[in-house]
PDB file of N, CA and C in Angstrom:
ATOM      1  N   MET A   1     114.781  63.043  24.024  1.00  0.00           N
ATOM      2  CA  MET A   1     114.510  61.877  23.256  1.00  0.00           C
ATOM      3  C   MET A   1     113.163  61.817  22.617  1.00  0.00           C
ATOM      4  N   LEU A   2     112.151  61.985  23.409  1.00  0.00           N
ATOM      5  CA  LEU A   2     110.755  61.888  22.905  1.00  0.00           C
ATOM      6  C   LEU A   2     110.496  63.073  21.900  1.00  0.00           C
ATOM      7  N   ARG A   3     111.054  64.264  22.129  1.00  0.00           N
ATOM      8  CA  ARG A   3     110.975  65.357  21.264  1.00  0.00           C
ATOM      9  C   ARG A   3     111.543  65.032  19.877  1.00  0.00           C
ATOM     10  N   GLY A   4     112.720  64.393  19.860  1.00  0.00           N
ATOM     11  CA  GLY A   4     113.387  63.938  18.682  1.00  0.00           C
ATOM     12  C   GLY A   4     112.536  62.916  17.854  1.00  0.00           C
ATOM     13  N   VAL A   5     111.913  61.981  18.585  1.00  0.00           N
ATOM     14  CA  VAL A   5     111.175  60.980  17.929  1.00  0.00           C
ATOM     15  C   VAL A   5     109.845  61.604  17.167  1.00  0.00           C
ATOM     16  N   ILE A   6     109.317  62.630  17.932  1.00  0.00           N
ATOM     17  CA  ILE A   6     108.085  63.252  17.433  1.00  0.00           C
ATOM     18  C   ILE A   6     108.413  64.111  16.154  1.00  0.00           C
ATOM     19  N   LYS A   7     109.652  64.779  16.234  1.00  0.00           N
ATOM     20  CA  LYS A   7     110.073  65.446  15.119  1.00  0.00           C
ATOM     21  C   LYS A   7     110.341  64.525  13.825  1.00  0.00           C
ATOM     22  N   TRP A   8     110.945  63.392  14.091  1.00  0.00           N
ATOM     23  CA  TRP A   8     111.213  62.437  13.038  1.00  0.00           C
ATOM     24  C   TRP A   8     110.004  61.918  12.357  1.00  0.00           C
ATOM     25  N   MET A   9     108.991  61.647  13.258  1.00  0.00           N
ATOM     26  CA  MET A   9     107.623  61.066  12.736  1.00  0.00           C
ATOM     27  C   MET A   9     106.924  62.165  11.940  1.00  0.00           C
ATOM     28  N   THR A  10     107.019  63.369  12.386  1.00  0.00           N
ATOM     29  CA  THR A  10     106.390  64.460  11.742  1.00  0.00           C
ATOM     30  C   THR A  10     107.040  64.657  10.359  1.00  0.00           C
ATOM     31  N   VAL A  11     108.319  64.704  10.256  1.00  0.00           N
ATOM     32  CA  VAL A  11     109.048  64.749   8.983  1.00  0.00           C
ATOM     33  C   VAL A  11     108.682  63.697   7.981  1.00  0.00           C
ATOM     34  N   VAL A  12     108.622  62.359   8.557  1.00  0.00           N
ATOM     35  CA  VAL A  12     108.296  61.233   7.679  1.00  0.00           C
ATOM     36  C   VAL A  12     106.768  61.419   7.218  1.00  0.00           C
ATOM     37  N   ALA A  13     105.916  61.774   8.090  1.00  0.00           N
ATOM     38  CA  ALA A  13     104.514  62.025   7.605  1.00  0.00           C
ATOM     39  C   ALA A  13     104.322  63.059   6.641  1.00  0.00           C
ATOM     40  N   VAL A  14     105.039  64.187   6.749  1.00  0.00           N
ATOM     41  CA  VAL A  14     104.864  65.266   5.803  1.00  0.00           C
ATOM     42  C   VAL A  14     105.495  64.876   4.470  1.00  0.00           C
ATOM     43  N   LEU A  15     106.657  64.217   4.426  1.00  0.00           N
ATOM     44  CA  LEU A  15     107.228  63.741   3.123  1.00  0.00           C
ATOM     45  C   LEU A  15     106.373  62.855   2.475  1.00  0.00           C
ATOM     46  N   GLY A  16     105.814  61.834   3.380  1.00  0.00           N
ATOM     47  CA  GLY A  16     104.921  60.827   2.682  1.00  0.00           C
ATOM     48  C   GLY A  16     103.632  61.498   2.103  1.00  0.00           C
ATOM     49  N   LEU A  17     102.923  62.449   2.793  1.00  0.00           N
ATOM     50  CA  LEU A  17     101.921  63.068   2.269  1.00  0.00           C
ATOM     51  C   LEU A  17     102.265  63.920   1.031  1.00  0.00           C
ATOM     52  N   ALA A  18     103.413  64.664   1.103  1.00  0.00           N
ATOM     53  CA  ALA A  18     103.850  65.562  -0.010  1.00  0.00           C
ATOM     54  C   ALA A  18     104.181  64.552  -1.288  1.00  0.00           C
ATOM     55  N   GLY A  19     104.698  63.393  -1.109  1.00  0.00           N
ATOM     56  CA  GLY A  19     104.889  62.529  -2.167  1.00  0.00           C
ATOM     57  C   GLY A  19     103.718  62.146  -2.848  1.00  0.00           C
ATOM     58  N   CYS A  20     102.654  61.966  -2.192  1.00  0.00           N
ATOM     59  CA  CYS A  20     101.338  61.599  -2.758  1.00  0.00           C
ATOM     60  C   CYS A  20     100.799  62.774  -3.603  1.00  0.00           C
ATOM     61  N   ALA A  21     101.123  64.006  -3.186  1.00  0.00           N
ATOM     62  CA  ALA A  21     100.526  65.129  -3.909  1.00  0.00           C
ATOM     63  C   ALA A  21     101.410  65.681  -5.126  1.00  0.00           C
ATOM     64  N   LEU A  22     102.732  65.230  -5.054  1.00  0.00           N
ATOM     65  CA  LEU A  22     103.571  65.752  -6.114  1.00  0.00           C
ATOM     66  C   LEU A  22     103.273  65.229  -7.437  1.00  0.00           C
ATOM     67  N   PRO A  23     103.289  65.969  -8.567  1.00  0.00           N
ATOM     68  CA  PRO A  23     103.031  65.353  -9.887  1.00  0.00           C
ATOM     69  C   PRO A  23     104.130  64.398 -10.222  1.00  0.00           C
ATOM     70  N   GLY A  24     103.728  63.349 -10.760  1.00  0.00           N
ATOM     71  CA  GLY A  24     104.743  62.372 -11.249  1.00  0.00           C
ATOM     72  C   GLY A  24     104.606  62.224 -12.763  1.00  0.00           C
ATOM     73  N   ARG A  25     105.356  61.393 -13.311  1.00  0.00           N
ATOM     74  CA  ARG A  25     105.399  61.185 -14.697  1.00  0.00           C
ATOM     75  C   ARG A  25     104.215  60.163 -15.009  1.00  0.00           C
ATOM     76  N   ARG A  26     103.408  60.623 -15.809  1.00  0.00           N
ATOM     77  CA  ARG A  26     102.177  59.851 -16.236  1.00  0.00           C
ATOM     78  C   ARG A  26     102.303  59.568 -17.697  1.00  0.00           C
ATOM     79  N   ASP A  27     101.945  58.457 -18.127  1.00  0.00           N
ATOM     80  CA  ASP A  27     101.999  58.085 -19.541  1.00  0.00           C
ATOM     81  C   ASP A  27     100.681  58.405 -20.205  1.00  0.00           C
ATOM     82  N   ASP A  28     100.275  59.604 -20.204  1.00  0.00           N
ATOM     83  CA  ASP A  28      99.008  59.991 -20.916  1.00  0.00           C
ATOM     84  C   ASP A  28      99.079  59.776 -22.440  1.00  0.00           C
ATOM     85  N   ALA A  29     100.227  59.874 -23.082  1.00  0.00           N
ATOM     86  CA  ALA A  29     100.364  59.666 -24.421  1.00  0.00           C
ATOM     87  C   ALA A  29     100.019  58.325 -24.851  1.00  0.00           C
ATOM     88  N   ALA A  30     100.159  57.345 -23.899  1.00  0.00           N
ATOM     89  CA  ALA A  30      99.805  55.956 -24.280  1.00  0.00           C
ATOM     90  C   ALA A  30      98.303  55.662 -24.370  1.00  0.00           C
ATOM     91  N   LEU A  31      97.503  56.471 -23.800  1.00  0.00           N
ATOM     92  CA  LEU A  31      96.049  56.296 -23.836  1.00  0.00           C
ATOM     93  C   LEU A  31      95.526  56.698 -25.058  1.00  0.00           C
ATOM     94  N   PRO A  32      94.558  55.864 -25.647  1.00  0.00           N
ATOM     95  CA  PRO A  32      93.868  56.337 -27.026  1.00  0.00           C
ATOM     96  C   PRO A  32      92.936  57.458 -26.624  1.00  0.00           C
ATOM     97  N   PRO A  33      92.737  58.273 -27.646  1.00  0.00           N
ATOM     98  CA  PRO A  33      91.785  59.401 -27.470  1.00  0.00           C
ATOM     99  C   PRO A  33      90.329  58.880 -27.279  1.00  0.00           C
ATOM    100  N   ALA A  34      89.565  59.646 -26.565  1.00  0.00           N
ATOM    101  CA  ALA A  34      88.090  59.245 -26.303  1.00  0.00           C
ATOM    102  C   ALA A  34      87.466  59.464 -27.525  1.00  0.00           C
ATOM    103  N   LYS A  35      86.521  58.519 -27.676  1.00  0.00           N
ATOM    104  CA  LYS A  35      85.617  58.605 -28.915  1.00  0.00           C
ATOM    105  C   LYS A  35      84.450  59.437 -28.609  1.00  0.00           C
ATOM    106  N   THR A  36      84.012  60.177 -29.557  1.00  0.00           N
ATOM    107  CA  THR A  36      82.907  61.201 -29.347  1.00  0.00           C
ATOM    108  C   THR A  36      81.792  60.592 -30.274  1.00  0.00           C
ATOM    109  N   GLY A  37      80.648  61.019 -29.861  1.00  0.00           N
ATOM    110  CA  GLY A  37      79.380  60.628 -30.819  1.00  0.00           C
ATOM    111  C   GLY A  37      78.710  59.587 -30.040  1.00  0.00           C
ATOM    112  N   GLY A  38      77.654  58.977 -30.826  1.00  0.00           N
ATOM    113  CA  GLY A  38      76.702  58.035 -30.257  1.00  0.00           C
ATOM    114  C   GLY A  38      77.332  56.747 -29.908  1.00  0.00           C
ATOM    115  N   GLY A  39      76.522  55.847 -29.389  1.00  0.00           N
ATOM    116  CA  GLY A  39      77.054  54.565 -28.950  1.00  0.00           C
ATOM    117  C   GLY A  39      76.183  54.046 -27.885  1.00  0.00           C
ATOM    118  N   THR A  40      76.468  52.853 -27.532  1.00  0.00           N
ATOM    119  CA  THR A  40      75.792  52.112 -26.417  1.00  0.00           C
ATOM    120  C   THR A  40      76.388  52.590 -25.102  1.00  0.00           C
ATOM    121  N   ILE A  41      75.545  52.857 -24.244  1.00  0.00           N
ATOM    122  CA  ILE A  41      75.972  53.202 -22.788  1.00  0.00           C
ATOM    123  C   ILE A  41      75.775  51.913 -22.007  1.00  0.00           C
ATOM    124  N   VAL A  42      76.701  51.456 -21.391  1.00  0.00           N
ATOM    125  CA  VAL A  42      76.663  50.281 -20.578  1.00  0.00           C
ATOM    126  C   VAL A  42      76.706  50.714 -19.060  1.00  0.00           C
ATOM    127  N   THR A  43      75.805  50.386 -18.319  1.00  0.00           N
ATOM    128  CA  THR A  43      75.712  50.591 -16.866  1.00  0.00           C
ATOM    129  C   THR A  43      76.299  49.501 -16.168  1.00  0.00           C
ATOM    130  N   PRO A  44      77.350  49.745 -15.388  1.00  0.00           N
ATOM    131  CA  PRO A  44      77.942  48.719 -14.538  1.00  0.00           C
ATOM    132  C   PRO A  44      76.918  48.104 -13.600  1.00  0.00           C
ATOM    133  N   VAL A  45      77.045  46.825 -13.249  1.00  0.00           N
ATOM    134  CA  VAL A  45      76.145  46.209 -12.460  1.00  0.00           C
ATOM    135  C   VAL A  45      76.043  46.891 -11.103  1.00  0.00           C
ATOM    136  N   ALA A  46      77.052  47.400 -10.582  1.00  0.00           N
ATOM    137  CA  ALA A  46      77.106  48.138  -9.216  1.00  0.00           C
ATOM    138  C   ALA A  46      76.228  49.351  -9.358  1.00  0.00           C
ATOM    139  N   PHE A  47      75.851  49.884 -10.473  1.00  0.00           N
ATOM    140  CA  PHE A  47      75.026  51.147 -10.476  1.00  0.00           C
ATOM    141  C   PHE A  47      73.603  50.853 -10.911  1.00  0.00           C
ATOM    142  N   ARG A  48      73.336  49.539 -11.246  1.00  0.00           N
ATOM    143  CA  ARG A  48      72.007  49.313 -11.645  1.00  0.00           C
ATOM    144  C   ARG A  48      71.091  49.169 -10.406  1.00  0.00           C
ATOM    145  N   VAL A  49      69.969  49.850 -10.377  1.00  0.00           N
ATOM    146  CA  VAL A  49      69.124  49.850  -9.306  1.00  0.00           C
ATOM    147  C   VAL A  49      68.205  48.591  -9.211  1.00  0.00           C
ATOM    148  N   GLU A  50      68.409  47.859  -8.291  1.00  0.00           N
ATOM    149  CA  GLU A  50      67.659  46.566  -8.020  1.00  0.00           C
ATOM    150  C   GLU A  50      67.220  46.618  -6.530  1.00  0.00           C
ATOM    151  N   GLY A  51      65.950  46.084  -6.401  1.00  0.00           N
ATOM    152  CA  GLY A  51      65.429  45.925  -5.029  1.00  0.00           C
ATOM    153  C   GLY A  51      64.736  44.703  -4.820  1.00  0.00           C
ATOM    154  N   LYS A  52      64.245  44.448  -3.598  1.00  0.00           N
ATOM    155  CA  LYS A  52      63.456  43.311  -3.274  1.00  0.00           C
ATOM    156  C   LYS A  52      62.194  43.704  -2.486  1.00  0.00           C
ATOM    157  N   VAL A  53      61.146  42.872  -2.858  1.00  0.00           N
ATOM    158  CA  VAL A  53      59.904  43.202  -2.284  1.00  0.00           C
ATOM    159  C   VAL A  53      59.902  42.651  -0.849  1.00  0.00           C
ATOM    160  N   VAL A  54      59.628  43.596   0.127  1.00  0.00           N
ATOM    161  CA  VAL A  54      59.610  43.206   1.605  1.00  0.00           C
ATOM    162  C   VAL A  54      58.203  43.108   2.135  1.00  0.00           C
ATOM    163  N   ARG A  55      57.273  43.849   1.522  1.00  0.00           N
ATOM    164  CA  ARG A  55      55.920  43.896   1.991  1.00  0.00           C
ATOM    165  C   ARG A  55      54.944  44.073   0.733  1.00  0.00           C
ATOM    166  N   THR A  56      53.931  43.280   0.806  1.00  0.00           N
ATOM    167  CA  THR A  56      52.839  43.664  -0.300  1.00  0.00           C
ATOM    168  C   THR A  56      51.487  43.903   0.422  1.00  0.00           C
ATOM    169  N   ASN A  57      50.696  44.668  -0.277  1.00  0.00           N
ATOM    170  CA  ASN A  57      49.335  44.912   0.153  1.00  0.00           C
ATOM    171  C   ASN A  57      48.418  44.874  -1.058  1.00  0.00           C
ATOM    172  N   ALA A  58      47.941  43.619  -1.278  1.00  0.00           N
ATOM    173  CA  ALA A  58      47.101  43.494  -2.563  1.00  0.00           C
ATOM    174  C   ALA A  58      45.845  44.297  -2.482  1.00  0.00           C
ATOM    175  N   ARG A  59      45.227  44.441  -1.262  1.00  0.00           N
ATOM    176  CA  ARG A  59      44.008  45.128  -1.162  1.00  0.00           C
ATOM    177  C   ARG A  59      44.154  46.594  -1.537  1.00  0.00           C
ATOM    178  N   LEU A  60      45.235  47.272  -1.155  1.00  0.00           N
ATOM    179  CA  LEU A  60      45.535  48.643  -1.451  1.00  0.00           C
ATOM    180  C   LEU A  60      46.333  48.828  -2.619  1.00  0.00           C
ATOM    181  N   ASN A  61      46.778  47.697  -3.240  1.00  0.00           N
ATOM    182  CA  ASN A  61      47.476  47.705  -4.521  1.00  0.00           C
ATOM    183  C   ASN A  61      48.925  48.399  -4.392  1.00  0.00           C
ATOM    184  N   PHE A  62      49.647  48.043  -3.374  1.00  0.00           N
ATOM    185  CA  PHE A  62      51.167  48.613  -3.298  1.00  0.00           C
ATOM    186  C   PHE A  62      52.051  47.658  -2.731  1.00  0.00           C
ATOM    187  N   VAL A  63      53.244  47.849  -2.942  1.00  0.00           N
ATOM    188  CA  VAL A  63      54.288  47.086  -2.269  1.00  0.00           C
ATOM    189  C   VAL A  63      55.406  47.983  -1.725  1.00  0.00           C
ATOM    190  N   VAL A  64      56.107  47.455  -0.805  1.00  0.00           N
ATOM    191  CA  VAL A  64      57.308  48.112  -0.273  1.00  0.00           C
ATOM    192  C   VAL A  64      58.557  47.412  -0.744  1.00  0.00           C
ATOM    193  N   LEU A  65      59.458  48.218  -1.306  1.00  0.00           N
ATOM    194  CA  LEU A  65      60.634  47.694  -1.891  1.00  0.00           C
ATOM    195  C   LEU A  65      61.839  48.088  -0.986  1.00  0.00           C
ATOM    196  N   ASP A  66      62.868  47.205  -0.834  1.00  0.00           N
ATOM    197  CA  ASP A  66      64.021  47.444  -0.093  1.00  0.00           C
ATOM    198  C   ASP A  66      65.185  47.608  -1.095  1.00  0.00           C
ATOM    199  N   PHE A  67      65.926  48.682  -1.203  1.00  0.00           N
ATOM    200  CA  PHE A  67      66.946  48.770  -2.098  1.00  0.00           C
ATOM    201  C   PHE A  67      68.401  48.768  -1.526  1.00  0.00           C
ATOM    202  N   GLY A  68      68.450  48.375  -0.262  1.00  0.00           N
ATOM    203  CA  GLY A  68      69.739  48.184   0.449  1.00  0.00           C
ATOM    204  C   GLY A  68      70.547  49.445   0.383  1.00  0.00           C
ATOM    205  N   LEU A  69      71.824  49.358   0.125  1.00  0.00           N
ATOM    206  CA  LEU A  69      72.687  50.521   0.043  1.00  0.00           C
ATOM    207  C   LEU A  69      72.910  51.139  -1.311  1.00  0.00           C
ATOM    208  N   GLN A  70      71.995  50.785  -2.167  1.00  0.00           N
ATOM    209  CA  GLN A  70      72.176  51.250  -3.593  1.00  0.00           C
ATOM    210  C   GLN A  70      71.658  52.614  -3.774  1.00  0.00           C
ATOM    211  N   GLY A  71      70.854  53.186  -2.812  1.00  0.00           N
ATOM    212  CA  GLY A  71      70.277  54.423  -3.082  1.00  0.00           C
ATOM    213  C   GLY A  71      68.810  54.257  -3.490  1.00  0.00           C
ATOM    214  N   LEU A  72      67.972  55.325  -3.189  1.00  0.00           N
ATOM    215  CA  LEU A  72      66.549  55.139  -3.473  1.00  0.00           C
ATOM    216  C   LEU A  72      66.342  55.618  -4.963  1.00  0.00           C
ATOM    217  N   PRO A  73      65.322  55.034  -5.613  1.00  0.00           N
ATOM    218  CA  PRO A  73      64.968  55.457  -7.004  1.00  0.00           C
ATOM    219  C   PRO A  73      64.066  56.758  -6.891  1.00  0.00           C
ATOM    220  N   SER A  74      63.895  57.459  -8.012  1.00  0.00           N
ATOM    221  CA  SER A  74      63.004  58.563  -8.056  1.00  0.00           C
ATOM    222  C   SER A  74      61.553  58.173  -8.139  1.00  0.00           C
ATOM    223  N   ILE A  75      60.673  59.099  -7.648  1.00  0.00           N
ATOM    224  CA  ILE A  75      59.285  58.804  -7.735  1.00  0.00           C
ATOM    225  C   ILE A  75      58.962  58.808  -9.375  1.00  0.00           C
ATOM    226  N   GLY A  76      58.166  57.746  -9.677  1.00  0.00           N
ATOM    227  CA  GLY A  76      57.753  57.674 -11.078  1.00  0.00           C
ATOM    228  C   GLY A  76      58.464  56.675 -11.826  1.00  0.00           C
ATOM    229  N   GLN A  77      59.675  56.128 -11.281  1.00  0.00           N
ATOM    230  CA  GLN A  77      60.416  55.169 -11.932  1.00  0.00           C
ATOM    231  C   GLN A  77      59.667  53.775 -11.861  1.00  0.00           C
ATOM    232  N   GLN A  78      59.803  53.063 -13.059  1.00  0.00           N
ATOM    233  CA  GLN A  78      58.994  51.760 -13.111  1.00  0.00           C
ATOM    234  C   GLN A  78      60.115  50.651 -13.036  1.00  0.00           C
ATOM    235  N   PHE A  79      59.528  49.588 -12.313  1.00  0.00           N
ATOM    236  CA  PHE A  79      60.381  48.368 -12.127  1.00  0.00           C
ATOM    237  C   PHE A  79      59.595  47.122 -12.504  1.00  0.00           C
ATOM    238  N   ALA A  80      60.335  46.299 -13.302  1.00  0.00           N
ATOM    239  CA  ALA A  80      59.802  45.016 -13.612  1.00  0.00           C
ATOM    240  C   ALA A  80      59.995  44.131 -12.301  1.00  0.00           C
ATOM    241  N   ILE A  81      59.085  43.272 -12.058  1.00  0.00           N
ATOM    242  CA  ILE A  81      59.192  42.354 -10.828  1.00  0.00           C
ATOM    243  C   ILE A  81      59.388  40.909 -11.367  1.00  0.00           C
ATOM    244  N   TYR A  82      60.354  40.369 -10.846  1.00  0.00           N
ATOM    245  CA  TYR A  82      60.686  38.952 -11.271  1.00  0.00           C
ATOM    246  C   TYR A  82      60.637  37.941 -10.073  1.00  0.00           C
ATOM    247  N   ARG A  83      60.247  36.734 -10.398  1.00  0.00           N
ATOM    248  CA  ARG A  83      60.178  35.675  -9.461  1.00  0.00           C
ATOM    249  C   ARG A  83      60.872  34.435 -10.119  1.00  0.00           C
ATOM    250  N   LEU A  84      61.953  33.989  -9.417  1.00  0.00           N
ATOM    251  CA  LEU A  84      62.726  32.863 -10.032  1.00  0.00           C
ATOM    252  C   LEU A  84      63.154  33.137 -11.505  1.00  0.00           C
ATOM    253  N   GLY A  85      63.442  34.407 -11.780  1.00  0.00           N
ATOM    254  CA  GLY A  85      63.863  34.771 -13.117  1.00  0.00           C
ATOM    255  C   GLY A  85      62.841  35.001 -14.243  1.00  0.00           C
ATOM    256  N   LYS A  86      61.589  34.810 -13.738  1.00  0.00           N
ATOM    257  CA  LYS A  86      60.487  35.054 -14.765  1.00  0.00           C
ATOM    258  C   LYS A  86      59.779  36.302 -14.311  1.00  0.00           C
ATOM    259  N   LYS A  87      59.490  37.184 -15.327  1.00  0.00           N
ATOM    260  CA  LYS A  87      58.711  38.420 -15.083  1.00  0.00           C
ATOM    261  C   LYS A  87      57.299  38.058 -14.675  1.00  0.00           C
ATOM    262  N   VAL A  88      56.939  38.635 -13.484  1.00  0.00           N
ATOM    263  CA  VAL A  88      55.555  38.429 -12.986  1.00  0.00           C
ATOM    264  C   VAL A  88      54.703  39.707 -12.792  1.00  0.00           C
ATOM    265  N   GLY A  89      55.342  40.823 -12.905  1.00  0.00           N
ATOM    266  CA  GLY A  89      54.490  42.086 -12.741  1.00  0.00           C
ATOM    267  C   GLY A  89      55.423  43.331 -12.989  1.00  0.00           C
ATOM    268  N   GLN A  90      54.755  44.444 -12.580  1.00  0.00           N
ATOM    269  CA  GLN A  90      55.412  45.666 -12.854  1.00  0.00           C
ATOM    270  C   GLN A  90      54.858  46.759 -11.735  1.00  0.00           C
ATOM    271  N   VAL A  91      55.749  47.535 -11.281  1.00  0.00           N
ATOM    272  CA  VAL A  91      55.401  48.567 -10.249  1.00  0.00           C
ATOM    273  C   VAL A  91      55.924  49.892 -10.625  1.00  0.00           C
ATOM    274  N   ARG A  92      55.306  50.905 -10.012  1.00  0.00           N
ATOM    275  CA  ARG A  92      55.898  52.280 -10.277  1.00  0.00           C
ATOM    276  C   ARG A  92      55.963  52.971  -8.906  1.00  0.00           C
ATOM    277  N   VAL A  93      57.239  53.433  -8.639  1.00  0.00           N
ATOM    278  CA  VAL A  93      57.493  54.148  -7.350  1.00  0.00           C
ATOM    279  C   VAL A  93      56.639  55.323  -7.165  1.00  0.00           C
ATOM    280  N   SER A  94      55.853  55.427  -6.097  1.00  0.00           N
ATOM    281  CA  SER A  94      54.960  56.395  -5.812  1.00  0.00           C
ATOM    282  C   SER A  94      55.068  57.370  -4.741  1.00  0.00           C
ATOM    283  N   GLY A  95      55.851  56.795  -3.731  1.00  0.00           N
ATOM    284  CA  GLY A  95      55.858  57.697  -2.662  1.00  0.00           C
ATOM    285  C   GLY A  95      56.662  57.219  -1.444  1.00  0.00           C
ATOM    286  N   PRO A  96      56.226  57.474  -0.285  1.00  0.00           N
ATOM    287  CA  PRO A  96      57.233  57.735   0.785  1.00  0.00           C
ATOM    288  C   PRO A  96      58.469  56.807   0.686  1.00  0.00           C
ATOM    289  N   ALA A  97      59.535  57.378   0.843  1.00  0.00           N
ATOM    290  CA  ALA A  97      60.820  56.666   0.898  1.00  0.00           C
ATOM    291  C   ALA A  97      61.505  56.930   2.207  1.00  0.00           C
ATOM    292  N   TRP A  98      62.070  55.995   2.833  1.00  0.00           N
ATOM    293  CA  TRP A  98      62.849  56.217   4.123  1.00  0.00           C
ATOM    294  C   TRP A  98      63.920  55.117   4.149  1.00  0.00           C
ATOM    295  N   ASP A  99      65.039  55.495   4.750  1.00  0.00           N
ATOM    296  CA  ASP A  99      66.212  54.642   4.937  1.00  0.00           C
ATOM    297  C   ASP A  99      66.475  53.962   3.561  1.00  0.00           C
ATOM    298  N   THR A 100      66.201  52.622   3.415  1.00  0.00           N
ATOM    299  CA  THR A 100      66.439  51.919   2.237  1.00  0.00           C
ATOM    300  C   THR A 100      65.184  51.445   1.551  1.00  0.00           C
ATOM    301  N   TYR A 101      64.011  51.920   2.007  1.00  0.00           N
ATOM    302  CA  TYR A 101      62.640  51.492   1.582  1.00  0.00           C
ATOM    303  C   TYR A 101      61.895  52.527   0.666  1.00  0.00           C
ATOM    304  N   ALA A 102      61.189  52.082  -0.212  1.00  0.00           N
ATOM    305  CA  ALA A 102      60.377  52.985  -1.114  1.00  0.00           C
ATOM    306  C   ALA A 102      59.094  52.253  -1.340  1.00  0.00           C
ATOM    307  N   VAL A 103      57.873  53.034  -1.461  1.00  0.00           N
ATOM    308  CA  VAL A 103      56.633  52.448  -1.678  1.00  0.00           C
ATOM    309  C   VAL A 103      56.389  52.526  -3.212  1.00  0.00           C
ATOM    310  N   ALA A 104      55.765  51.482  -3.777  1.00  0.00           N
ATOM    311  CA  ALA A 104      55.470  51.541  -5.174  1.00  0.00           C
ATOM    312  C   ALA A 104      54.016  50.906  -5.411  1.00  0.00           C
ATOM    313  N   ASP A 105      53.344  51.482  -6.433  1.00  0.00           N
ATOM    314  CA  ASP A 105      52.014  51.067  -6.781  1.00  0.00           C
ATOM    315  C   ASP A 105      52.234  49.847  -7.679  1.00  0.00           C
ATOM    316  N   ILE A 106      51.251  48.901  -7.576  1.00  0.00           N
ATOM    317  CA  ILE A 106      51.404  47.689  -8.517  1.00  0.00           C
ATOM    318  C   ILE A 106      50.636  48.109  -9.752  1.00  0.00           C
ATOM    319  N   VAL A 107      51.330  48.118 -10.915  1.00  0.00           N
ATOM    320  CA  VAL A 107      50.784  48.386 -12.208  1.00  0.00           C
ATOM    321  C   VAL A 107      50.154  47.126 -12.748  1.00  0.00           C
ATOM    322  N   GLU A 108      50.840  46.094 -12.652  1.00  0.00           N
ATOM    323  CA  GLU A 108      50.249  44.858 -13.249  1.00  0.00           C
ATOM    324  C   GLU A 108      50.862  43.590 -12.445  1.00  0.00           C
ATOM    325  N   GLY A 109      50.201  42.485 -12.418  1.00  0.00           N
ATOM    326  CA  GLY A 109      50.866  41.204 -11.851  1.00  0.00           C
ATOM    327  C   GLY A 109      50.439  40.932 -10.501  1.00  0.00           C
ATOM    328  N   GLN A 110      50.788  39.805 -10.065  1.00  0.00           N
ATOM    329  CA  GLN A 110      50.573  39.360  -8.652  1.00  0.00           C
ATOM    330  C   GLN A 110      51.956  39.276  -8.080  1.00  0.00           C
ATOM    331  N   ILE A 111      52.170  40.100  -7.153  1.00  0.00           N
ATOM    332  CA  ILE A 111      53.538  40.247  -6.585  1.00  0.00           C
ATOM    333  C   ILE A 111      53.632  39.719  -5.112  1.00  0.00           C
ATOM    334  N   TRP A 112      54.587  38.883  -4.898  1.00  0.00           N
ATOM    335  CA  TRP A 112      54.809  38.287  -3.595  1.00  0.00           C
ATOM    336  C   TRP A 112      55.979  38.838  -2.801  1.00  0.00           C
ATOM    337  N   LYS A 113      55.989  38.722  -1.577  1.00  0.00           N
ATOM    338  CA  LYS A 113      57.230  39.055  -0.766  1.00  0.00           C
ATOM    339  C   LYS A 113      58.353  38.214  -1.220  1.00  0.00           C
ATOM    340  N   GLY A 114      59.571  38.758  -1.381  1.00  0.00           N
ATOM    341  CA  GLY A 114      60.684  38.051  -1.836  1.00  0.00           C
ATOM    342  C   GLY A 114      60.994  38.199  -3.232  1.00  0.00           C
ATOM    343  N   ASP A 115      60.040  38.709  -4.122  1.00  0.00           N
ATOM    344  CA  ASP A 115      60.263  38.969  -5.527  1.00  0.00           C
ATOM    345  C   ASP A 115      61.317  40.049  -5.793  1.00  0.00           C
ATOM    346  N   GLU A 116      61.933  39.914  -6.923  1.00  0.00           N
ATOM    347  CA  GLU A 116      63.024  40.932  -7.065  1.00  0.00           C
ATOM    348  C   GLU A 116      62.557  42.031  -8.021  1.00  0.00           C
ATOM    349  N   ALA A 117      62.884  43.404  -7.832  1.00  0.00           N
ATOM    350  CA  ALA A 117      62.551  44.433  -8.656  1.00  0.00           C
ATOM    351  C   ALA A 117      63.675  44.979  -9.384  1.00  0.00           C
ATOM    352  N   LYS A 118      63.632  45.011 -10.689  1.00  0.00           N
ATOM    353  CA  LYS A 118      64.707  45.444 -11.561  1.00  0.00           C
ATOM    354  C   LYS A 118      64.246  46.684 -12.390  1.00  0.00           C
ATOM    355  N   LEU A 119      65.044  47.646 -12.456  1.00  0.00           N
ATOM    356  CA  LEU A 119      64.724  48.834 -13.304  1.00  0.00           C
ATOM    357  C   LEU A 119      64.499  48.506 -14.668  1.00  0.00           C
ATOM    358  N   LYS A 120      63.279  49.054 -15.200  1.00  0.00           N
ATOM    359  CA  LYS A 120      62.787  48.816 -16.443  1.00  0.00           C
ATOM    360  C   LYS A 120      63.537  49.487 -17.489  1.00  0.00           C
TER     361      LYS A 120
END
């Protein structure tokens, strides 16, 4: 009895997986052809790099930015710093990055903990 149930479950699983892999009828003809050439590239919000200032050191002129799960920026990338929607400064990623954090040098402005960093 148990052997029959296992065989039946195996058959159902194999057919289910094979059905996902089999080519089906797709309506590719209904899609318009891709346009080539120049144009504006729009980056979805999910891929825009944005961070938050979690530490500041005005004496040594650097901040620590937290980028969450978005991934870390490259060294040399510049970010505009915003507080309550108003630009208050600018930083350049300069070095050590770990987990979700990156260190950036303050290029201009007075930056506070909690400010937002948006890719320039």
